[in-house]
């Protein structure tokens, strides 16, 4: 294993482009970095807030879960998140034009309930979008959040599963008959069977595996 690029500000959500470049969310910098195979780095987009997860959409644009930003503690060059950013105004789902770097905010709420800290996302074969909301901590208070789905074509977001305890990573099974969610605080990987794209089967979720520590 070798290092391609260093000095990134809390990188997450890597996306490999067809030309071999890699896009990385720099959460602490509020931007998307583009890294070439030789390590050359440029800024693909300035999203503001805290870009957390990303995926290429069926429209060819980069879709981003923006958690709204965090405060950071630097200990010997290592960054640790310590709560909401000053001036935090909520989370959002954004769309980035990789040709121009233009950033568009697509959703800030679900049925009038503000998104708190969108974290990770995955598209299904119909073009529908699954995403998690990890929530925010404010002192002794933590948001109770869930798993969301938006159908292809930019339809309204709906809450597919609630409540979840700090849902983080999300993914689909190869045949897309199941959606998996990682809960950070409980260190559980939970599977939800699907009866149709975006529709959770009535059986509810089941724990696939529990872990020690945290599950991302």
N, C-alpha and C. Protein backbone atom coordinates (compact mmCIF):
# COMPACT_ATOMS: atom_id res chain seq x y z
N UNK A 1 0.84 -1.18 0.00
CA UNK A 1 0.00 0.00 0.00
C UNK A 1 0.89 1.24 0.00
N UNK A 2 0.52 2.24 -0.80
CA UNK A 2 1.29 3.47 -0.85
C UNK A 2 0.34 4.67 -0.81
N UNK A 3 0.85 5.78 -0.32
CA UNK A 3 0.05 7.00 -0.23
C UNK A 3 0.08 7.74 -1.56
N UNK A 4 -1.10 8.09 -2.06
CA UNK A 4 -1.21 8.84 -3.31
C UNK A 4 -1.22 10.34 -3.04
N UNK A 5 -1.97 10.74 -2.00
CA UNK A 5 -2.09 12.17 -1.68
C UNK A 5 -2.23 12.32 -0.17
N UNK A 6 -1.59 13.32 0.39
CA UNK A 6 -1.66 13.59 1.82
C UNK A 6 -2.20 14.98 2.07
N UNK A 7 -2.39 15.30 3.36
CA UNK A 7 -2.83 16.63 3.74
C UNK A 7 -4.30 16.90 3.51
N UNK A 8 -5.09 15.85 3.25
CA UNK A 8 -6.52 16.03 3.05
C UNK A 8 -7.20 16.28 4.39
N UNK A 9 -8.26 17.08 4.38
CA UNK A 9 -8.94 17.49 5.60
C UNK A 9 -10.11 16.55 5.89
N UNK A 10 -9.82 15.48 6.62
CA UNK A 10 -10.80 14.46 7.00
C UNK A 10 -11.51 13.90 5.76
N UNK A 11 -10.77 13.16 4.92
CA UNK A 11 -11.35 12.64 3.68
C UNK A 11 -12.30 11.46 3.91
N UNK A 12 -13.38 11.46 3.16
CA UNK A 12 -14.34 10.35 3.15
C UNK A 12 -14.98 10.28 1.77
N UNK A 13 -15.78 9.24 1.55
CA UNK A 13 -16.61 9.14 0.36
C UNK A 13 -15.87 9.16 -0.96
N UNK A 14 -14.82 8.32 -1.15
CA UNK A 14 -14.10 8.34 -2.43
C UNK A 14 -14.96 7.82 -3.58
N UNK A 15 -14.80 8.45 -4.74
CA UNK A 15 -15.50 8.05 -5.96
C UNK A 15 -14.47 7.97 -7.08
N UNK A 16 -14.37 6.81 -7.73
CA UNK A 16 -13.43 6.64 -8.84
C UNK A 16 -14.11 7.04 -10.14
N UNK A 17 -13.48 7.94 -10.89
CA UNK A 17 -14.01 8.41 -12.16
C UNK A 17 -13.52 7.53 -13.31
N UNK A 18 -14.21 7.54 -14.44
CA UNK A 18 -13.81 6.71 -15.58
C UNK A 18 -12.38 6.98 -16.07
N UNK A 19 -11.89 8.21 -15.88
CA UNK A 19 -10.54 8.53 -16.35
C UNK A 19 -9.45 8.15 -15.35
N UNK A 20 -9.85 7.54 -14.22
CA UNK A 20 -8.88 7.10 -13.22
C UNK A 20 -8.67 8.07 -12.08
N UNK A 21 -9.16 9.31 -12.21
CA UNK A 21 -9.08 10.26 -11.11
C UNK A 21 -10.01 9.80 -9.98
N UNK A 22 -9.73 10.27 -8.77
CA UNK A 22 -10.55 9.95 -7.61
C UNK A 22 -11.08 11.24 -7.01
N UNK A 23 -12.37 11.26 -6.73
CA UNK A 23 -12.97 12.38 -6.00
C UNK A 23 -13.07 11.99 -4.53
N UNK A 24 -12.74 12.93 -3.65
CA UNK A 24 -12.78 12.67 -2.22
C UNK A 24 -13.47 13.84 -1.52
N UNK A 25 -14.39 13.52 -0.63
CA UNK A 25 -15.02 14.55 0.19
C UNK A 25 -14.06 14.95 1.30
N UNK A 26 -13.72 16.22 1.38
CA UNK A 26 -12.93 16.74 2.50
C UNK A 26 -13.92 17.40 3.46
N UNK A 27 -14.35 16.64 4.44
CA UNK A 27 -15.43 17.11 5.32
C UNK A 27 -15.03 18.39 6.04
N UNK A 28 -13.82 18.42 6.58
CA UNK A 28 -13.41 19.57 7.39
C UNK A 28 -13.09 20.80 6.55
N UNK A 29 -12.97 20.64 5.24
CA UNK A 29 -12.66 21.77 4.37
C UNK A 29 -13.88 22.25 3.59
N UNK A 30 -14.97 21.48 3.61
CA UNK A 30 -16.16 21.87 2.87
C UNK A 30 -15.96 21.87 1.37
N UNK A 31 -15.25 20.85 0.86
CA UNK A 31 -14.98 20.81 -0.58
C UNK A 31 -14.81 19.38 -1.05
N UNK A 32 -14.85 19.22 -2.39
CA UNK A 32 -14.57 17.95 -3.04
C UNK A 32 -13.23 18.07 -3.73
N UNK A 33 -12.29 17.20 -3.37
CA UNK A 33 -10.97 17.20 -4.00
C UNK A 33 -10.94 16.20 -5.14
N UNK A 34 -10.18 16.54 -6.17
CA UNK A 34 -9.97 15.62 -7.30
C UNK A 34 -8.49 15.25 -7.34
N UNK A 35 -8.21 13.95 -7.30
CA UNK A 35 -6.84 13.48 -7.21
C UNK A 35 -6.53 12.60 -8.42
N UNK A 36 -5.49 12.96 -9.15
CA UNK A 36 -5.07 12.20 -10.32
C UNK A 36 -4.22 11.00 -9.88
N UNK A 37 -4.05 10.01 -10.75
CA UNK A 37 -3.24 8.84 -10.39
C UNK A 37 -1.82 9.18 -9.96
N UNK A 38 -1.28 10.30 -10.46
CA UNK A 38 0.08 10.69 -10.07
C UNK A 38 0.11 11.52 -8.79
N UNK A 39 -1.06 11.72 -8.16
CA UNK A 39 -1.14 12.46 -6.91
C UNK A 39 -1.46 13.93 -7.07
N UNK A 40 -1.48 14.43 -8.30
CA UNK A 40 -1.83 15.84 -8.51
C UNK A 40 -3.24 16.09 -8.00
N UNK A 41 -3.41 17.21 -7.30
CA UNK A 41 -4.68 17.48 -6.63
C UNK A 41 -5.26 18.81 -7.07
N UNK A 42 -6.58 18.83 -7.24
CA UNK A 42 -7.28 20.06 -7.57
C UNK A 42 -8.62 20.05 -6.84
N UNK A 43 -9.30 21.18 -6.86
CA UNK A 43 -10.61 21.29 -6.21
C UNK A 43 -11.69 21.10 -7.27
N UNK A 44 -12.52 20.07 -7.08
CA UNK A 44 -13.61 19.81 -8.02
C UNK A 44 -14.81 20.70 -7.74
N UNK A 45 -15.05 20.98 -6.44
CA UNK A 45 -16.20 21.81 -6.07
C UNK A 45 -16.05 22.28 -4.63
N UNK A 46 -16.58 23.46 -4.38
CA UNK A 46 -16.67 24.01 -3.02
C UNK A 46 -18.12 23.87 -2.59
N UNK A 47 -18.40 22.89 -1.73
CA UNK A 47 -19.77 22.62 -1.32
C UNK A 47 -20.19 23.41 -0.09
N UNK A 48 -19.19 23.84 0.71
CA UNK A 48 -19.50 24.40 2.02
C UNK A 48 -19.97 23.31 2.95
N UNK A 49 -20.26 23.66 4.19
CA UNK A 49 -20.76 22.67 5.15
C UNK A 49 -19.80 21.54 5.36
N UNK A 50 -20.31 20.30 5.31
CA UNK A 50 -19.48 19.12 5.51
C UNK A 50 -19.84 18.02 4.54
N UNK A 51 -19.27 18.04 3.32
CA UNK A 51 -19.54 16.96 2.37
C UNK A 51 -19.06 15.63 2.93
N UNK A 52 -19.95 14.66 3.04
CA UNK A 52 -19.66 13.45 3.80
C UNK A 52 -19.57 12.19 2.94
N UNK A 53 -20.53 12.01 2.05
CA UNK A 53 -20.55 10.86 1.15
C UNK A 53 -20.89 11.34 -0.24
N UNK A 54 -20.46 10.59 -1.26
CA UNK A 54 -20.71 11.01 -2.63
C UNK A 54 -20.88 9.80 -3.53
N UNK A 55 -21.58 10.00 -4.64
CA UNK A 55 -21.77 8.95 -5.63
C UNK A 55 -22.12 9.60 -6.96
N UNK A 56 -21.67 8.99 -8.05
CA UNK A 56 -22.06 9.46 -9.37
C UNK A 56 -23.49 9.04 -9.64
N UNK A 57 -24.31 9.99 -10.07
CA UNK A 57 -25.70 9.70 -10.36
C UNK A 57 -25.90 9.29 -11.80
N UNK A 58 -27.08 8.80 -12.13
CA UNK A 58 -27.39 8.41 -13.51
C UNK A 58 -27.34 9.59 -14.48
N UNK A 59 -27.38 10.81 -13.94
CA UNK A 59 -27.28 12.01 -14.78
C UNK A 59 -25.83 12.43 -15.03
N UNK A 60 -24.87 11.65 -14.51
CA UNK A 60 -23.47 11.96 -14.71
C UNK A 60 -22.91 12.98 -13.73
N UNK A 61 -23.74 13.48 -12.86
CA UNK A 61 -23.28 14.45 -11.87
C UNK A 61 -22.93 13.76 -10.55
N UNK A 62 -22.18 14.47 -9.74
CA UNK A 62 -21.80 13.94 -8.43
C UNK A 62 -22.85 14.36 -7.41
N UNK A 63 -23.45 13.38 -6.75
CA UNK A 63 -24.43 13.65 -5.71
C UNK A 63 -23.73 13.53 -4.35
N UNK A 64 -24.02 14.47 -3.47
CA UNK A 64 -23.27 14.60 -2.22
C UNK A 64 -24.22 14.67 -1.03
N UNK A 65 -23.91 13.89 0.00
CA UNK A 65 -24.55 14.05 1.31
C UNK A 65 -23.75 15.10 2.08
N UNK A 66 -24.38 16.20 2.42
CA UNK A 66 -23.70 17.26 3.16
C UNK A 66 -24.27 17.31 4.57
N UNK A 67 -23.41 17.06 5.56
CA UNK A 67 -23.88 16.98 6.95
C UNK A 67 -24.05 18.35 7.61
N UNK A 68 -23.79 19.42 6.88
CA UNK A 68 -23.99 20.76 7.43
C UNK A 68 -22.80 21.34 8.14
N UNK A 69 -21.76 20.52 8.34
CA UNK A 69 -20.54 21.04 8.96
C UNK A 69 -20.38 20.65 10.42
N UNK A 70 -19.12 20.61 10.87
CA UNK A 70 -18.78 20.24 12.25
C UNK A 70 -17.70 21.18 12.77
N UNK A 71 -17.55 21.18 14.09
CA UNK A 71 -16.38 21.78 14.70
C UNK A 71 -15.31 20.70 14.81
N UNK A 72 -14.04 21.11 14.81
CA UNK A 72 -12.95 20.14 14.78
C UNK A 72 -11.90 20.44 15.84
N UNK A 73 -11.32 19.36 16.35
CA UNK A 73 -10.21 19.45 17.30
C UNK A 73 -8.99 18.82 16.65
N UNK A 74 -7.91 19.58 16.59
CA UNK A 74 -6.67 19.11 15.97
C UNK A 74 -5.72 18.65 17.06
N UNK A 75 -5.42 17.35 17.05
CA UNK A 75 -4.48 16.80 18.03
C UNK A 75 -3.32 16.16 17.28
N UNK A 76 -2.20 16.84 17.33
CA UNK A 76 -0.98 16.35 16.68
C UNK A 76 -1.21 16.07 15.19
N UNK A 77 -1.96 16.97 14.55
CA UNK A 77 -2.18 16.83 13.12
C UNK A 77 -3.34 15.94 12.74
N UNK A 78 -4.00 15.35 13.73
CA UNK A 78 -5.16 14.50 13.45
C UNK A 78 -6.43 15.25 13.84
N UNK A 79 -7.43 15.21 12.96
CA UNK A 79 -8.67 15.95 13.19
C UNK A 79 -9.73 15.04 13.81
N UNK A 80 -10.44 15.60 14.80
CA UNK A 80 -11.53 14.88 15.46
C UNK A 80 -12.77 15.78 15.47
N UNK A 81 -13.93 15.28 14.98
CA UNK A 81 -15.15 16.08 15.02
C UNK A 81 -15.67 16.19 16.45
N UNK A 82 -16.14 17.38 16.82
CA UNK A 82 -16.58 17.60 18.20
C UNK A 82 -17.95 18.28 18.28
N UNK A 83 -18.77 18.14 17.25
CA UNK A 83 -20.11 18.70 17.33
C UNK A 83 -20.45 19.56 16.13
N UNK A 84 -21.61 20.21 16.20
CA UNK A 84 -22.09 21.04 15.09
C UNK A 84 -21.16 22.22 14.84
N UNK A 85 -21.06 22.60 13.59
CA UNK A 85 -20.30 23.79 13.23
C UNK A 85 -21.02 25.04 13.72
N UNK A 86 -20.26 26.05 14.03
CA UNK A 86 -20.87 27.35 14.33
C UNK A 86 -21.61 27.82 13.07
N UNK A 87 -22.82 28.27 13.25
CA UNK A 87 -23.60 28.70 12.10
C UNK A 87 -24.27 27.56 11.35
N UNK A 88 -24.27 26.36 11.95
CA UNK A 88 -24.92 25.20 11.32
C UNK A 88 -26.38 25.52 11.01
N UNK A 89 -26.80 25.22 9.77
CA UNK A 89 -28.16 25.51 9.32
C UNK A 89 -28.88 24.27 8.81
N UNK A 90 -28.36 23.10 9.12
CA UNK A 90 -28.99 21.86 8.66
C UNK A 90 -28.19 21.18 7.57
N UNK A 91 -28.58 19.94 7.28
CA UNK A 91 -27.91 19.18 6.24
C UNK A 91 -28.65 19.27 4.92
N UNK A 92 -28.07 18.63 3.89
CA UNK A 92 -28.70 18.70 2.57
C UNK A 92 -28.15 17.61 1.66
N UNK A 93 -28.86 17.40 0.56
CA UNK A 93 -28.37 16.59 -0.55
C UNK A 93 -28.05 17.56 -1.68
N UNK A 94 -26.82 17.48 -2.19
CA UNK A 94 -26.37 18.40 -3.22
C UNK A 94 -26.02 17.64 -4.50
N UNK A 95 -25.98 18.39 -5.60
CA UNK A 95 -25.61 17.83 -6.90
C UNK A 95 -24.55 18.74 -7.51
N UNK A 96 -23.45 18.12 -7.98
CA UNK A 96 -22.31 18.87 -8.48
C UNK A 96 -22.10 18.59 -9.97
N UNK A 97 -21.98 19.66 -10.75
CA UNK A 97 -21.61 19.56 -12.15
C UNK A 97 -20.08 19.49 -12.20
N UNK A 98 -19.53 18.35 -12.56
CA UNK A 98 -18.08 18.17 -12.52
C UNK A 98 -17.37 18.93 -13.63
N UNK A 99 -18.10 19.38 -14.64
CA UNK A 99 -17.49 20.17 -15.70
C UNK A 99 -17.24 21.61 -15.24
N UNK A 100 -18.18 22.15 -14.47
CA UNK A 100 -18.08 23.56 -14.07
C UNK A 100 -17.80 23.75 -12.59
N UNK A 101 -18.04 22.72 -11.77
CA UNK A 101 -17.89 22.85 -10.33
C UNK A 101 -19.10 23.47 -9.65
N UNK A 102 -20.16 23.75 -10.44
CA UNK A 102 -21.36 24.35 -9.87
C UNK A 102 -22.05 23.37 -8.92
N UNK A 103 -22.50 23.90 -7.78
CA UNK A 103 -23.14 23.08 -6.74
C UNK A 103 -24.60 23.50 -6.60
N UNK A 104 -25.49 22.53 -6.67
CA UNK A 104 -26.93 22.78 -6.53
C UNK A 104 -27.44 22.02 -5.31
N UNK A 105 -28.21 22.68 -4.47
CA UNK A 105 -28.86 22.00 -3.34
C UNK A 105 -30.19 21.45 -3.82
N UNK A 106 -30.34 20.13 -3.73
CA UNK A 106 -31.53 19.46 -4.23
C UNK A 106 -32.59 19.32 -3.15
N UNK A 107 -32.19 18.86 -1.95
CA UNK A 107 -33.13 18.69 -0.85
C UNK A 107 -32.51 19.15 0.46
N UNK A 108 -33.32 19.80 1.27
CA UNK A 108 -32.94 20.18 2.63
C UNK A 108 -33.87 19.57 3.68
N UNK A 109 -34.97 18.96 3.23
CA UNK A 109 -35.93 18.43 4.19
C UNK A 109 -36.65 17.23 3.60
N UNK A 110 -37.39 16.55 4.44
CA UNK A 110 -38.24 15.44 4.04
C UNK A 110 -39.62 15.70 4.61
N UNK A 111 -40.55 16.07 3.76
CA UNK A 111 -41.90 16.35 4.23
C UNK A 111 -41.98 17.46 5.25
N UNK A 112 -41.08 18.43 5.13
CA UNK A 112 -41.06 19.56 6.05
C UNK A 112 -40.14 19.37 7.24
N UNK A 113 -39.64 18.15 7.47
CA UNK A 113 -38.70 17.89 8.56
C UNK A 113 -37.28 18.09 8.02
N UNK A 114 -36.52 19.04 8.59
CA UNK A 114 -35.18 19.32 8.06
C UNK A 114 -34.26 18.11 8.15
N UNK A 115 -33.43 17.94 7.12
CA UNK A 115 -32.36 16.95 7.19
C UNK A 115 -31.32 17.46 8.18
N UNK A 116 -30.78 16.55 8.99
CA UNK A 116 -29.86 16.95 10.05
C UNK A 116 -28.39 16.79 9.64
N UNK A 117 -28.03 15.57 9.22
CA UNK A 117 -26.63 15.32 8.85
C UNK A 117 -26.52 14.18 7.87
N UNK A 118 -27.01 14.34 6.63
CA UNK A 118 -26.89 13.27 5.64
C UNK A 118 -25.47 12.75 5.55
N UNK A 119 -25.34 11.42 5.45
CA UNK A 119 -24.03 10.80 5.62
C UNK A 119 -23.54 10.00 4.42
N UNK A 120 -24.37 9.07 3.93
CA UNK A 120 -23.93 8.19 2.85
C UNK A 120 -25.10 7.94 1.91
N UNK A 121 -24.80 7.52 0.67
CA UNK A 121 -25.84 7.37 -0.33
C UNK A 121 -25.48 6.30 -1.34
N UNK A 122 -26.52 5.75 -1.98
CA UNK A 122 -26.32 4.77 -3.04
C UNK A 122 -27.52 4.84 -3.99
N UNK A 123 -27.25 4.74 -5.29
CA UNK A 123 -28.31 4.70 -6.29
C UNK A 123 -28.67 3.26 -6.61
N UNK A 124 -29.97 3.01 -6.83
CA UNK A 124 -30.37 1.69 -7.31
C UNK A 124 -30.45 1.70 -8.83
N UNK A 125 -30.76 0.55 -9.42
CA UNK A 125 -30.71 0.45 -10.88
C UNK A 125 -31.82 1.24 -11.57
N UNK A 126 -32.85 1.67 -10.83
CA UNK A 126 -33.89 2.50 -11.42
C UNK A 126 -33.51 3.98 -11.41
N UNK A 127 -32.41 4.31 -10.74
CA UNK A 127 -32.02 5.70 -10.59
C UNK A 127 -32.50 6.32 -9.30
N UNK A 128 -33.19 5.53 -8.47
CA UNK A 128 -33.63 6.02 -7.16
C UNK A 128 -32.45 6.14 -6.21
N UNK A 129 -32.59 7.01 -5.24
CA UNK A 129 -31.49 7.33 -4.32
C UNK A 129 -31.85 6.97 -2.88
N UNK A 130 -31.03 6.11 -2.28
CA UNK A 130 -31.10 5.83 -0.85
C UNK A 130 -30.04 6.68 -0.15
N UNK A 131 -30.38 7.24 1.02
CA UNK A 131 -29.35 7.91 1.81
C UNK A 131 -29.69 7.86 3.29
N UNK A 132 -28.65 7.90 4.10
CA UNK A 132 -28.80 7.91 5.55
C UNK A 132 -28.61 9.32 6.08
N UNK A 133 -29.15 9.55 7.27
CA UNK A 133 -28.94 10.80 7.99
C UNK A 133 -28.40 10.43 9.36
N UNK A 134 -27.13 10.75 9.60
CA UNK A 134 -26.47 10.38 10.86
C UNK A 134 -26.89 11.26 12.02
N UNK A 135 -27.50 12.41 11.72
CA UNK A 135 -27.92 13.31 12.79
C UNK A 135 -26.76 14.13 13.35
N UNK A 136 -27.07 14.90 14.37
CA UNK A 136 -26.08 15.76 15.03
C UNK A 136 -26.18 15.61 16.54
N UNK A 137 -25.06 15.88 17.21
CA UNK A 137 -25.04 15.92 18.67
C UNK A 137 -24.88 17.36 19.13
N UNK A 138 -25.66 17.71 20.15
CA UNK A 138 -25.56 19.04 20.76
C UNK A 138 -25.53 18.83 22.26
N UNK A 139 -24.33 18.79 22.82
CA UNK A 139 -24.21 18.50 24.24
C UNK A 139 -24.70 17.09 24.53
N UNK A 140 -25.77 16.98 25.35
CA UNK A 140 -26.32 15.67 25.69
C UNK A 140 -27.47 15.25 24.79
N UNK A 141 -27.72 16.02 23.76
CA UNK A 141 -28.85 15.75 22.87
C UNK A 141 -28.35 15.23 21.53
N UNK A 142 -28.95 14.13 21.05
CA UNK A 142 -28.62 13.58 19.73
C UNK A 142 -29.89 13.41 18.93
N UNK A 143 -29.82 13.77 17.63
CA UNK A 143 -30.96 13.59 16.74
C UNK A 143 -31.28 12.12 16.55
N UNK A 144 -32.57 11.81 16.46
CA UNK A 144 -33.03 10.48 16.07
C UNK A 144 -33.39 10.57 14.59
N UNK A 145 -32.72 9.78 13.78
CA UNK A 145 -32.85 9.94 12.33
C UNK A 145 -33.19 8.61 11.67
N UNK A 146 -32.98 8.51 10.34
CA UNK A 146 -33.39 7.30 9.66
C UNK A 146 -32.76 7.12 8.30
N UNK A 147 -33.43 6.29 7.50
CA UNK A 147 -33.03 5.97 6.14
C UNK A 147 -34.06 6.56 5.20
N UNK A 148 -33.59 7.20 4.11
CA UNK A 148 -34.48 7.92 3.21
C UNK A 148 -34.35 7.41 1.78
N UNK A 149 -35.40 7.67 1.00
CA UNK A 149 -35.39 7.27 -0.41
C UNK A 149 -36.04 8.35 -1.25
N UNK A 150 -35.42 8.62 -2.41
CA UNK A 150 -36.00 9.54 -3.39
C UNK A 150 -36.05 8.82 -4.73
N UNK A 151 -37.21 8.73 -5.36
CA UNK A 151 -37.30 8.03 -6.65
C UNK A 151 -36.57 8.78 -7.76
N UNK A 152 -36.30 8.06 -8.84
CA UNK A 152 -35.62 8.67 -9.98
C UNK A 152 -36.42 9.85 -10.51
N UNK A 153 -35.70 10.81 -11.06
CA UNK A 153 -36.36 11.97 -11.64
C UNK A 153 -36.53 13.13 -10.68
N UNK A 154 -35.92 13.02 -9.48
CA UNK A 154 -36.00 14.14 -8.54
C UNK A 154 -37.29 14.22 -7.77
N UNK A 155 -37.95 13.08 -7.58
CA UNK A 155 -39.19 13.06 -6.82
C UNK A 155 -38.97 13.42 -5.37
N UNK A 156 -40.05 13.61 -4.61
CA UNK A 156 -39.90 14.01 -3.21
C UNK A 156 -39.24 12.92 -2.38
N UNK A 157 -38.46 13.35 -1.40
CA UNK A 157 -37.81 12.42 -0.47
C UNK A 157 -38.85 11.87 0.49
N UNK A 158 -38.74 10.59 0.81
CA UNK A 158 -39.60 10.03 1.85
C UNK A 158 -38.76 9.22 2.83
N UNK A 159 -39.25 9.17 4.03
CA UNK A 159 -38.58 8.44 5.10
C UNK A 159 -38.94 6.97 4.98
N UNK A 160 -37.94 6.13 4.68
CA UNK A 160 -38.19 4.70 4.49
C UNK A 160 -38.14 3.93 5.80
N UNK A 161 -37.22 4.32 6.69
CA UNK A 161 -37.07 3.65 7.99
C UNK A 161 -36.82 4.70 9.06
N UNK A 162 -37.56 4.62 10.15
CA UNK A 162 -37.36 5.47 11.32
C UNK A 162 -37.90 4.73 12.53
N UNK A 163 -37.22 4.76 13.68
CA UNK A 163 -35.96 5.44 13.95
C UNK A 163 -34.76 4.50 13.75
N UNK A 164 -33.60 5.11 13.54
CA UNK A 164 -32.33 4.39 13.54
C UNK A 164 -31.35 5.17 14.42
N UNK A 165 -30.37 4.46 14.96
CA UNK A 165 -29.42 5.07 15.89
C UNK A 165 -28.14 5.44 15.15
N UNK A 166 -28.08 6.69 14.70
CA UNK A 166 -26.92 7.21 13.97
C UNK A 166 -26.59 6.36 12.74
N UNK A 167 -27.54 6.22 11.79
CA UNK A 167 -27.26 5.45 10.58
C UNK A 167 -26.13 6.09 9.77
N UNK A 168 -25.24 5.25 9.29
CA UNK A 168 -24.03 5.74 8.62
C UNK A 168 -23.97 5.18 7.20
N UNK A 169 -23.18 4.13 6.97
CA UNK A 169 -23.05 3.58 5.63
C UNK A 169 -24.32 2.92 5.14
N UNK A 170 -24.54 2.96 3.81
CA UNK A 170 -25.70 2.32 3.21
C UNK A 170 -25.27 1.65 1.90
N UNK A 171 -25.83 0.47 1.63
CA UNK A 171 -25.50 -0.24 0.40
C UNK A 171 -26.60 -1.20 0.02
N UNK A 172 -26.58 -1.64 -1.23
CA UNK A 172 -27.58 -2.57 -1.75
C UNK A 172 -26.95 -3.93 -2.02
N UNK A 173 -27.75 -4.99 -1.88
CA UNK A 173 -27.28 -6.32 -2.26
C UNK A 173 -27.15 -6.37 -3.79
N UNK A 174 -26.37 -7.33 -4.33
CA UNK A 174 -26.16 -7.38 -5.78
C UNK A 174 -27.44 -7.43 -6.60
N UNK A 175 -28.45 -8.15 -6.11
CA UNK A 175 -29.71 -8.25 -6.86
C UNK A 175 -30.69 -7.14 -6.47
N UNK A 176 -30.27 -6.28 -5.53
CA UNK A 176 -31.05 -5.14 -5.05
C UNK A 176 -32.36 -5.56 -4.39
N UNK A 177 -32.34 -6.72 -3.77
CA UNK A 177 -33.50 -7.15 -3.01
C UNK A 177 -33.40 -6.81 -1.55
N UNK A 178 -32.30 -6.14 -1.17
CA UNK A 178 -32.06 -5.83 0.23
C UNK A 178 -31.21 -4.56 0.32
N UNK A 179 -31.52 -3.70 1.29
CA UNK A 179 -30.70 -2.53 1.55
C UNK A 179 -30.08 -2.69 2.94
N UNK A 180 -28.79 -2.41 3.05
CA UNK A 180 -28.05 -2.57 4.30
C UNK A 180 -27.71 -1.19 4.88
N UNK A 181 -27.83 -1.09 6.19
CA UNK A 181 -27.51 0.16 6.89
C UNK A 181 -26.61 -0.15 8.08
N UNK A 182 -25.54 0.62 8.23
CA UNK A 182 -24.66 0.49 9.39
C UNK A 182 -25.05 1.54 10.42
N UNK A 183 -25.32 1.09 11.65
CA UNK A 183 -25.59 2.01 12.75
C UNK A 183 -24.29 2.26 13.51
N UNK A 184 -23.89 3.52 13.59
CA UNK A 184 -22.62 3.84 14.23
C UNK A 184 -22.62 3.51 15.72
N UNK A 185 -23.60 4.01 16.44
CA UNK A 185 -23.57 3.91 17.90
C UNK A 185 -23.74 2.48 18.41
N UNK A 186 -24.56 1.68 17.72
CA UNK A 186 -24.81 0.31 18.18
C UNK A 186 -23.85 -0.70 17.55
N UNK A 187 -23.07 -0.25 16.55
CA UNK A 187 -22.13 -1.12 15.83
C UNK A 187 -22.84 -2.31 15.20
N UNK A 188 -24.05 -2.05 14.67
CA UNK A 188 -24.82 -3.11 14.02
C UNK A 188 -24.90 -2.86 12.52
N UNK A 189 -24.90 -3.95 11.75
CA UNK A 189 -25.22 -3.90 10.33
C UNK A 189 -26.62 -4.49 10.19
N UNK A 190 -27.56 -3.68 9.69
CA UNK A 190 -28.96 -4.06 9.63
C UNK A 190 -29.38 -4.23 8.17
N UNK A 191 -30.11 -5.30 7.88
CA UNK A 191 -30.60 -5.57 6.53
C UNK A 191 -32.11 -5.37 6.49
N UNK A 192 -32.58 -4.69 5.44
CA UNK A 192 -34.01 -4.50 5.21
C UNK A 192 -34.35 -5.09 3.85
N UNK A 193 -35.24 -6.08 3.83
CA UNK A 193 -35.69 -6.65 2.57
C UNK A 193 -36.57 -5.65 1.83
N UNK A 194 -36.49 -5.68 0.50
CA UNK A 194 -37.26 -4.76 -0.33
C UNK A 194 -38.30 -5.53 -1.13
N UNK A 195 -39.51 -5.02 -1.18
CA UNK A 195 -40.53 -5.65 -2.01
C UNK A 195 -40.61 -5.00 -3.39
N UNK A 196 -40.02 -3.82 -3.52
CA UNK A 196 -39.93 -3.09 -4.78
C UNK A 196 -38.89 -1.99 -4.58
N UNK A 197 -38.39 -1.38 -5.65
CA UNK A 197 -37.41 -0.30 -5.47
C UNK A 197 -37.93 0.78 -4.52
N UNK A 198 -37.18 1.02 -3.45
CA UNK A 198 -37.55 2.05 -2.50
C UNK A 198 -38.60 1.66 -1.49
N UNK A 199 -39.08 0.42 -1.55
CA UNK A 199 -40.17 -0.02 -0.65
C UNK A 199 -39.65 -1.11 0.28
N UNK A 200 -39.64 -0.82 1.59
CA UNK A 200 -39.23 -1.80 2.58
C UNK A 200 -40.33 -2.84 2.78
N UNK A 201 -39.95 -4.12 2.78
CA UNK A 201 -40.92 -5.19 3.03
C UNK A 201 -41.44 -5.10 4.46
N UNK A 202 -42.62 -5.62 4.68
CA UNK A 202 -43.27 -5.50 5.98
C UNK A 202 -42.58 -6.22 7.11
N UNK A 203 -41.62 -7.10 6.79
CA UNK A 203 -40.94 -7.86 7.84
C UNK A 203 -40.02 -7.02 8.69
N UNK A 204 -39.68 -5.81 8.23
CA UNK A 204 -38.78 -4.95 8.99
C UNK A 204 -37.33 -5.38 8.83
N UNK A 205 -36.46 -4.80 9.66
CA UNK A 205 -35.04 -5.07 9.53
C UNK A 205 -34.58 -6.21 10.41
N UNK A 206 -33.40 -6.73 10.09
CA UNK A 206 -32.78 -7.78 10.89
C UNK A 206 -31.30 -7.48 11.02
N UNK A 207 -30.74 -7.77 12.17
CA UNK A 207 -29.32 -7.54 12.39
C UNK A 207 -28.52 -8.64 11.70
N UNK A 208 -27.70 -8.24 10.75
CA UNK A 208 -26.85 -9.19 10.03
C UNK A 208 -25.64 -9.54 10.87
N UNK A 209 -25.09 -8.51 11.49
CA UNK A 209 -23.91 -8.75 12.31
C UNK A 209 -23.72 -7.60 13.27
N UNK A 210 -23.32 -7.93 14.49
CA UNK A 210 -22.96 -6.92 15.47
C UNK A 210 -21.45 -6.87 15.60
N UNK A 211 -20.94 -5.70 15.91
CA UNK A 211 -19.49 -5.51 16.03
C UNK A 211 -19.18 -4.81 17.35
N UNK A 212 -17.95 -4.88 17.75
CA UNK A 212 -17.51 -4.06 18.86
C UNK A 212 -17.12 -2.68 18.32
N UNK A 213 -17.14 -1.70 19.19
CA UNK A 213 -16.75 -0.36 18.77
C UNK A 213 -17.86 0.33 18.01
N UNK A 214 -17.53 0.87 16.84
CA UNK A 214 -18.50 1.59 16.03
C UNK A 214 -18.55 1.00 14.63
N UNK A 215 -19.70 1.14 13.99
CA UNK A 215 -19.90 0.60 12.65
C UNK A 215 -20.14 1.76 11.70
N UNK A 216 -19.29 1.91 10.68
CA UNK A 216 -19.37 3.03 9.76
C UNK A 216 -19.88 2.60 8.39
